[in-house]
């Protein structure tokens, strides 16, 4: 039996790090998607205020198996 993988694109942000933003993306996606297999970070950016990074942002692709 062949497996089919679907990919969705998500945006996420964190006050801590890009890694934390990625984990938040997976955590949120897992609320409505099962069988998540990978996350690909497509783009990173940050919001700056008073010369300090205040938000770490990612655009990511999350892959999961379709039942």
Protein backbone atom coordinates (compact mmCIF):
# COMPACT_ATOMS: atom_id res chain seq x y z
CA UNK A 1 0.00 0.00 0.00
CA UNK A 2 1.40 3.38 -1.00
CA UNK A 3 1.45 6.21 1.49
CA UNK A 4 0.25 9.69 0.57
CA UNK A 5 1.77 12.72 2.25
CA UNK A 6 0.08 16.11 2.40
CA UNK A 7 1.91 19.39 3.03
CA UNK A 8 0.43 22.52 4.60
CA UNK A 9 2.07 25.91 5.01
CA UNK A 10 1.83 27.61 8.41
CA UNK A 11 3.03 30.80 10.08
CA UNK A 12 4.15 30.90 13.70
CA UNK A 13 5.89 33.25 16.12
CA UNK A 14 7.57 33.15 19.51
CA UNK A 15 9.03 35.55 22.05
CA UNK A 16 11.92 33.10 22.68
CA UNK A 17 13.43 31.68 19.46
CA UNK A 18 12.86 30.35 15.96
CA UNK A 19 13.02 26.83 17.40
CA UNK A 20 10.24 27.67 19.83
CA UNK A 21 8.18 29.12 16.97
CA UNK A 22 8.66 25.84 15.07
CA UNK A 23 7.54 23.79 18.07
CA UNK A 24 4.48 26.00 18.48
CA UNK A 25 3.62 25.45 14.82
CA UNK A 26 3.78 21.66 15.24
CA UNK A 27 1.83 21.78 18.51
CA UNK A 28 -0.97 23.88 17.00
CA UNK A 29 -1.13 21.85 13.77
CA UNK A 30 -1.35 18.63 15.76
CA UNK A 31 -4.67 19.83 17.21
CA UNK A 32 -6.34 19.29 13.83
CA UNK A 33 -3.85 17.14 11.87
CA UNK A 34 -2.70 13.60 12.69
CA UNK A 35 0.45 11.71 11.65
CA UNK A 36 2.79 14.73 11.38
CA UNK A 37 6.12 13.52 10.03
CA UNK A 38 8.24 16.63 9.43
CA UNK A 39 8.51 20.40 9.44
CA UNK A 40 10.51 22.38 6.89
CA UNK A 41 11.41 25.96 7.81
CA UNK A 42 10.90 27.92 4.61
CA UNK A 43 11.62 31.41 5.94
CA UNK A 44 12.65 33.18 9.15
CA UNK A 45 12.08 36.77 10.17
CA UNK A 46 11.96 38.83 13.33
CA UNK A 47 10.08 41.83 14.67
CA UNK A 48 12.33 44.46 16.22
CA UNK A 49 11.40 47.09 18.81
CA UNK A 50 13.85 49.53 20.40
CA UNK A 51 16.76 47.75 18.69
CA UNK A 52 15.84 44.39 20.22
CA UNK A 53 14.18 41.32 18.72
CA UNK A 54 10.75 40.98 20.28
CA UNK A 55 9.22 38.27 18.03
CA UNK A 56 10.81 35.40 16.13
CA UNK A 57 8.68 34.43 13.13
CA UNK A 58 8.76 31.46 10.77
CA UNK A 59 7.00 30.31 7.66
CA UNK A 60 7.03 26.52 7.62
CA UNK A 61 5.73 23.51 5.73
CA UNK A 62 4.37 20.67 7.80
CA UNK A 63 4.13 17.20 6.23
CA UNK A 64 1.75 14.50 7.42
CA UNK A 65 0.46 11.12 6.27
CA UNK A 66 -3.08 10.85 4.98
CA UNK A 67 -5.06 7.90 6.36
